Amino acid sequence: MRNSEERYISLLTDFGFKRVFGTVPNKDLLIDFLNSLFDGEQVVKDVTFLNSEHVGDIRSDRKAIFDVYCENEQGEKFIVEMQNAYQTFFKDRSLYYATFPIREQAEKGDVWDYQLKHVYVVALLNYKMSDSAFSPDTINHDIGLLDKQTHRVFNGKLTFKYVEISKFDKCLEELESNYDKWLYVLRNLSRLDSQPDYLRNEIFNRLFSEAEIAHFSKVELREYEDSLKAYRDIKNSLDTAKAEGLAEGFGKGRVEGHAEGRAEGLVEGRAEGRAETLVEVAKNLLSIGTPIESIMKATGMTEDEIKDLA
């Protein structure tokens, strides 16, 4: 018996995202999405999926688990991440992730000239990042290594692409590019009752067929239901934490009794609401059986920190 009444899976869930973008039978879907994102800057002809779980040089090093990790026909590396909840140090995390495909290119032996293949980190953000470096009206943010004075590329081997998909609000009739169509299905696939005419071609026909829940085996259905529950639990927990943090901030401002106090209280409330409630969020998610990997990704806490709460 299905708990979900939707016809199609949500690509915002861990299961849905990895099923569509992280499996060999569906690699043409990933290739089409990446090419729509790069829009001619990079043309991916083929991809090979790589081990998405990485550890450092010693056993005690922090582990990194990517949603999707692959390389193209030229050996260039792509990390593709779906991030559903705000994380204070997500930029640091994505930078940390980039070190793994860089370091693994080191050739064994005495002779190596340090020539690297390009590394791309693609982060799809289901929230507004609100970073001071980003234009608030822009969905795509293309980050590279530049000279601060000349604004010229210093080294073109490392690229970060942050995509704030939560800002995408076009309706079906407004979809123009193939990239528009991908952003639309990323946000709305599970809300659709049927495949719209605007989303009919060979690639999207494959996508809708692969995403139809009625085609799932019992094992796949159970895995999806668990993933959907984890996604909803995480979103609800963090939305509640955010609301409580904002409320606390306004309360502090009222106690101060002036505009500056309200502003400072709001900022403090946001920071404290995020920091202090992460532990409570992790506890709540543990209590309802959310996988530790999902809790790590949502909260930024380490595996050991989460296990200590159990």
Protein backbone atom coordinates (compact mmCIF):
# COMPACT_ATOMS: atom_id res chain seq x y z
CA MET A 1 0.00 0.00 0.00
CA ARG A 2 1.48 3.31 -1.08
CA ASN A 3 1.73 6.14 1.42
CA SER A 4 2.35 8.64 -1.36
CA GLU A 5 -0.43 9.63 -3.74
CA GLU A 6 1.82 11.34 -6.27
CA ARG A 7 2.22 9.81 -9.71
CA TYR A 8 5.87 10.82 -10.07
CA ILE A 9 8.77 10.87 -7.65
CA SER A 10 10.22 14.05 -6.23
CA LEU A 11 13.70 14.81 -7.53
CA LEU A 12 14.32 16.71 -4.29
CA THR A 13 14.52 13.43 -2.39
CA ASP A 14 17.77 11.53 -2.10
CA PHE A 15 16.27 8.46 -3.79
CA GLY A 16 14.67 10.42 -6.62
CA PHE A 17 17.74 12.52 -7.36
CA LYS A 18 20.13 9.57 -7.43
CA ARG A 19 17.74 7.36 -9.42
CA VAL A 20 17.43 9.93 -12.21
CA PHE A 21 20.94 11.41 -12.21
CA GLY A 22 23.16 8.79 -10.59
CA THR A 23 22.57 5.47 -12.37
CA VAL A 24 24.19 4.06 -15.50
CA PRO A 25 20.90 3.35 -17.34
CA ASN A 26 19.92 7.02 -16.89
CA LYS A 27 23.27 8.65 -17.59
CA ASP A 28 21.83 10.32 -20.71
CA LEU A 29 19.51 12.27 -18.38
CA LEU A 30 22.49 13.54 -16.38
CA ILE A 31 24.38 14.40 -19.57
CA ASP A 32 21.43 16.36 -20.94
CA PHE A 33 21.00 18.25 -17.66
CA LEU A 34 24.71 19.13 -17.41
CA ASN A 35 24.81 20.33 -21.02
CA SER A 36 21.76 22.50 -20.43
CA LEU A 37 23.44 23.97 -17.34
CA PHE A 38 26.77 24.67 -19.07
CA ASP A 39 25.03 26.03 -22.18
CA GLY A 40 27.98 25.52 -24.54
CA GLU A 41 30.71 26.35 -22.01
CA GLN A 42 31.27 22.62 -21.64
CA VAL A 43 29.86 19.84 -23.85
CA VAL A 44 29.60 16.49 -22.11
CA LYS A 45 29.41 13.56 -24.52
CA ASP A 46 29.64 10.71 -22.05
CA VAL A 47 30.07 10.13 -18.31
CA THR A 48 31.45 7.34 -16.17
CA PHE A 49 30.14 7.12 -12.62
CA LEU A 50 32.77 6.99 -9.89
CA ASN A 51 32.74 5.92 -6.25
CA SER A 52 30.71 8.59 -4.44
CA GLU A 53 32.11 7.78 -0.98
CA HIS A 54 35.52 9.18 -0.10
CA VAL A 55 37.75 9.20 2.94
CA GLY A 56 40.99 11.05 3.55
CA ASP A 57 44.51 9.72 3.53
CA ILE A 58 44.14 8.14 6.97
CA ARG A 59 41.24 6.27 8.55
CA SER A 60 40.53 9.04 11.05
CA ASP A 61 39.96 11.64 8.30
CA ARG A 62 36.45 13.01 7.71
CA LYS A 63 34.41 11.06 5.16
CA ALA A 64 32.72 12.74 2.20
CA ILE A 65 29.71 11.24 0.43
CA PHE A 66 28.65 12.86 -2.84
CA ASP A 67 25.16 12.58 -4.33
CA VAL A 68 26.58 12.05 -7.82
CA TYR A 69 30.24 11.77 -8.79
CA CYS A 70 31.34 11.13 -12.35
CA GLU A 71 33.90 12.01 -15.02
CA ASN A 72 33.44 12.84 -18.67
CA GLU A 73 35.23 11.37 -21.67
CA GLN A 74 38.15 13.76 -21.07
CA GLY A 75 38.64 12.70 -17.46
CA GLU A 76 37.19 15.93 -16.03
CA LYS A 77 35.42 15.40 -12.71
CA PHE A 78 31.86 16.41 -11.78
CA ILE A 79 30.35 16.45 -8.30
CA VAL A 80 26.59 17.10 -8.38
CA GLU A 81 24.84 17.80 -5.07
CA MET A 82 21.23 18.46 -4.12
CA GLN A 83 21.02 20.53 -0.92
CA ASN A 84 17.53 20.97 0.48
CA ALA A 85 18.25 22.81 3.72
CA TYR A 86 20.33 25.83 4.69
CA GLN A 87 23.72 24.96 6.13
CA THR A 88 25.91 27.66 7.64
CA PHE A 89 29.16 26.43 6.13
CA PHE A 90 27.87 24.90 2.91
CA LYS A 91 30.36 26.91 0.84
CA ASP A 92 33.17 25.48 2.97
CA ARG A 93 31.71 22.02 2.56
CA SER A 94 31.61 22.29 -1.23
CA LEU A 95 35.22 23.55 -1.19
CA TYR A 96 36.19 20.58 0.99
CA TYR A 97 34.43 18.22 -1.41
CA ALA A 98 36.44 19.64 -4.31
CA THR A 99 39.69 18.59 -2.66
CA PHE A 100 38.93 14.90 -3.17
CA PRO A 101 38.78 14.83 -7.00
CA ILE A 102 41.84 17.12 -7.01
CA ARG A 103 43.95 14.94 -4.72
CA GLU A 104 42.99 11.67 -6.37
CA GLN A 105 44.55 12.91 -9.63
CA ALA A 106 48.02 12.74 -8.08
CA GLU A 107 50.02 10.15 -9.99
CA LYS A 108 52.01 7.58 -8.04
CA GLY A 109 55.75 7.51 -8.45
CA ASP A 110 58.50 10.08 -8.49
CA VAL A 111 57.56 11.92 -11.68
CA TRP A 112 54.39 14.01 -11.89
CA ASP A 113 54.11 17.53 -13.30
CA TYR A 114 50.95 18.41 -11.28
CA GLN A 115 48.81 18.89 -14.37
CA LEU A 116 45.17 18.57 -13.33
CA LYS A 117 41.91 17.83 -15.06
CA HIS A 118 39.06 20.29 -14.54
CA VAL A 119 36.91 19.76 -11.44
CA TYR A 120 33.31 20.99 -11.40
CA VAL A 121 31.17 21.19 -8.27
CA VAL A 122 27.49 21.66 -9.12
CA ALA A 123 25.29 22.50 -6.12
CA LEU A 124 21.52 22.61 -6.59
CA LEU A 125 20.11 24.61 -3.68
CA ASN A 126 16.48 24.21 -2.66
CA TYR A 127 16.67 27.41 -0.60
CA LYS A 128 17.85 30.98 -1.04
CA MET A 129 21.54 31.16 -0.25
CA SER A 130 21.50 34.93 0.44
CA ASP A 131 25.23 35.30 0.01
CA SER A 132 26.65 38.82 -0.19
CA ALA A 133 28.76 37.82 -3.20
CA PHE A 134 25.69 36.75 -5.19
CA SER A 135 23.29 38.93 -7.13
CA PRO A 136 19.93 38.52 -5.35
CA ASP A 137 18.04 38.36 -8.65
CA THR A 138 20.19 35.63 -10.20
CA ILE A 139 19.54 31.90 -10.03
CA ASN A 140 22.89 30.69 -11.42
CA HIS A 141 26.16 31.61 -9.75
CA ASP A 142 29.38 30.70 -11.57
CA ILE A 143 32.42 30.74 -9.26
CA GLY A 144 36.06 30.38 -10.28
CA LEU A 145 39.59 31.40 -9.30
CA LEU A 146 40.18 35.00 -10.42
CA ASP A 147 42.76 37.73 -9.95
CA LYS A 148 41.02 40.29 -7.74
CA GLN A 149 42.52 43.26 -9.57
CA THR A 150 42.17 42.23 -13.19
CA HIS A 151 39.14 39.93 -12.71
CA ARG A 152 40.82 37.55 -15.13
CA VAL A 153 40.89 33.81 -14.62
CA PHE A 154 43.89 32.76 -12.55
CA ASN A 155 43.29 29.03 -12.92
CA GLY A 156 40.39 27.57 -14.87
CA LYS A 157 40.64 24.06 -13.46
CA LEU A 158 38.18 24.55 -10.58
CA THR A 159 34.60 25.69 -11.08
CA PHE A 160 31.70 25.93 -8.65
CA LYS A 161 28.17 26.33 -9.96
CA TYR A 162 25.56 27.18 -7.35
CA VAL A 163 21.98 27.00 -8.64
CA GLU A 164 19.25 28.43 -6.39
CA ILE A 165 16.41 26.34 -7.80
CA SER A 166 14.05 27.67 -5.13
CA LYS A 167 14.07 31.00 -7.00
CA PHE A 168 12.82 29.44 -10.23
CA ASP A 169 9.15 30.35 -10.57
CA LYS A 170 8.32 30.05 -14.28
CA CYS A 171 5.12 28.28 -15.25
CA LEU A 172 4.93 25.73 -18.06
CA GLU A 173 3.95 28.28 -20.70
CA GLU A 174 7.01 30.41 -19.86
CA LEU A 175 9.60 27.67 -20.33
CA GLU A 176 12.00 28.68 -23.10
CA SER A 177 15.26 26.75 -22.90
CA ASN A 178 16.04 23.14 -22.15
CA TYR A 179 17.58 24.38 -18.90
CA ASP A 180 14.27 26.01 -17.95
CA LYS A 181 12.60 22.65 -18.43
CA TRP A 182 15.08 20.90 -16.16
CA LEU A 183 14.67 23.49 -13.41
CA TYR A 184 10.91 23.14 -13.72
CA VAL A 185 10.92 19.35 -13.28
CA LEU A 186 13.44 19.58 -10.45
CA ARG A 187 10.98 21.74 -8.54
CA ASN A 188 7.64 20.39 -9.72
CA LEU A 189 7.84 16.81 -11.01
CA SER A 190 6.02 15.24 -8.06
CA ARG A 191 3.17 17.78 -8.39
CA LEU A 192 2.31 16.78 -11.94
CA ASP A 193 -0.50 14.38 -12.78
CA SER A 194 0.69 13.72 -16.33
CA GLN A 195 3.49 14.63 -18.73
CA PRO A 196 2.83 18.11 -20.16
CA ASP A 197 3.14 18.78 -23.89
CA TYR A 198 5.82 21.35 -23.09
CA LEU A 199 7.98 18.53 -21.72
CA ARG A 200 7.81 16.04 -24.55
CA ASN A 201 10.98 14.92 -26.29
CA GLU A 202 13.14 11.82 -26.15
CA ILE A 203 14.93 12.84 -22.95
CA PHE A 204 11.91 13.98 -20.99
CA ASN A 205 9.88 10.99 -22.16
CA ARG A 206 12.59 8.84 -20.56
CA LEU A 207 12.54 10.96 -17.42
CA PHE A 208 8.78 10.68 -16.91
CA SER A 209 8.86 6.95 -17.54
CA GLU A 210 11.69 6.45 -15.05
CA ALA A 211 10.01 8.68 -12.47
CA GLU A 212 6.58 7.02 -12.52
CA ILE A 213 6.04 5.39 -9.15
CA ALA A 214 3.68 2.74 -10.56
CA HIS A 215 6.68 1.15 -12.30
CA PHE A 216 8.57 0.61 -9.04
CA SER A 217 9.21 -2.75 -7.47
CA LYS A 218 8.19 -3.26 -3.84
CA VAL A 219 11.78 -2.68 -2.74
CA GLU A 220 12.09 0.51 -4.80
CA LEU A 221 8.76 1.77 -3.49
CA ARG A 222 9.80 1.18 0.12
CA GLU A 223 13.13 2.93 -0.46
CA TYR A 224 11.40 5.90 -2.07
CA GLU A 225 8.81 6.19 0.72
CA ASP A 226 11.62 6.17 3.30
CA SER A 227 13.52 8.82 1.34
CA LEU A 228 10.40 10.97 0.93
CA LYS A 229 9.69 10.74 4.65
CA ALA A 230 13.28 11.73 5.47
CA TYR A 231 13.05 14.71 3.10
CA ARG A 232 9.78 15.93 4.63
CA ASP A 233 11.00 15.39 8.20
CA ILE A 234 14.19 17.34 7.55
CA LYS A 235 12.38 20.21 5.84
CA ASN A 236 9.73 20.41 8.56
CA SER A 237 12.30 20.27 11.36
CA LEU A 238 14.52 22.94 9.84
CA ASP A 239 11.58 25.18 8.88
CA THR A 240 10.40 24.98 12.49
CA ALA A 241 13.91 25.78 13.74
CA LYS A 242 14.08 28.78 11.43
CA ALA A 243 10.71 30.07 12.61
CA GLU A 244 11.69 29.67 16.27
CA GLY A 245 14.97 31.47 15.63
CA LEU A 246 13.20 34.39 13.97
CA ALA A 247 10.64 34.58 16.76
CA GLU A 248 13.39 34.64 19.37
CA GLY A 249 15.14 37.41 17.45
CA PHE A 250 12.03 39.57 17.36
CA GLY A 251 11.50 38.91 21.05
CA LYS A 252 14.98 40.10 21.92
CA GLY A 253 14.42 43.20 19.81
CA ARG A 254 11.23 44.02 21.69
CA VAL A 255 13.01 43.69 25.02
CA GLU A 256 15.69 46.12 23.83
CA GLY A 257 12.88 48.50 22.90
CA HIS A 258 14.45 50.20 19.86
CA ALA A 259 15.17 49.58 16.20
CA GLU A 260 18.82 48.68 16.74
CA GLY A 261 17.84 46.19 19.40
CA ARG A 262 15.32 44.57 17.10
CA ALA A 263 17.88 44.29 14.31
CA GLU A 264 20.57 42.89 16.58
CA GLY A 265 18.09 40.57 18.23
CA LEU A 266 16.90 39.32 14.87
CA VAL A 267 20.43 38.56 13.72
CA GLU A 268 21.30 36.88 17.01
CA GLY A 269 18.03 34.97 17.00
CA ARG A 270 18.68 33.68 13.51
CA ALA A 271 22.21 32.57 14.40
CA GLU A 272 21.22 31.03 17.70
CA GLY A 273 18.09 29.51 16.22
CA ARG A 274 20.19 27.78 13.60
CA ALA A 275 23.03 26.72 15.89
CA GLU A 276 21.14 25.73 19.02
CA THR A 277 18.33 23.88 17.28
CA LEU A 278 20.53 21.77 15.01
CA VAL A 279 21.13 19.37 17.87
CA GLU A 280 17.39 19.18 18.55
CA VAL A 281 16.70 18.69 14.86
CA ALA A 282 19.24 15.85 14.76
CA LYS A 283 17.67 14.26 17.85
CA ASN A 284 14.19 14.45 16.34
CA LEU A 285 15.36 12.96 13.06
CA LEU A 286 17.16 10.15 14.88
CA SER A 287 14.02 9.37 16.86
CA ILE A 288 11.98 8.82 13.70
CA GLY A 289 14.61 6.65 12.06
CA THR A 290 16.12 9.10 9.56
CA PRO A 291 19.40 7.71 8.14
CA ILE A 292 22.53 9.23 9.70
CA GLU A 293 23.84 10.15 6.23
CA SER A 294 20.73 12.29 5.63
CA ILE A 295 21.07 13.96 9.04
CA MET A 296 24.75 14.72 8.37
CA LYS A 297 23.88 16.36 5.08
CA ALA A 298 21.02 18.41 6.54
CA THR A 299 22.75 19.63 9.69
CA GLY A 300 26.46 19.64 8.85
CA MET A 301 27.15 17.59 11.99
CA THR A 302 29.68 14.77 11.91
CA GLU A 303 28.75 11.11 12.10
CA ASP A 304 30.31 10.83 15.58
CA GLU A 305 28.44 13.92 16.83
CA ILE A 306 25.15 12.43 15.68
CA LYS A 307 25.91 9.00 17.12
CA ASP A 308 26.68 10.63 20.48
CA LEU A 309 23.09 11.91 20.55
CA ALA A 310 21.61 8.45 20.19
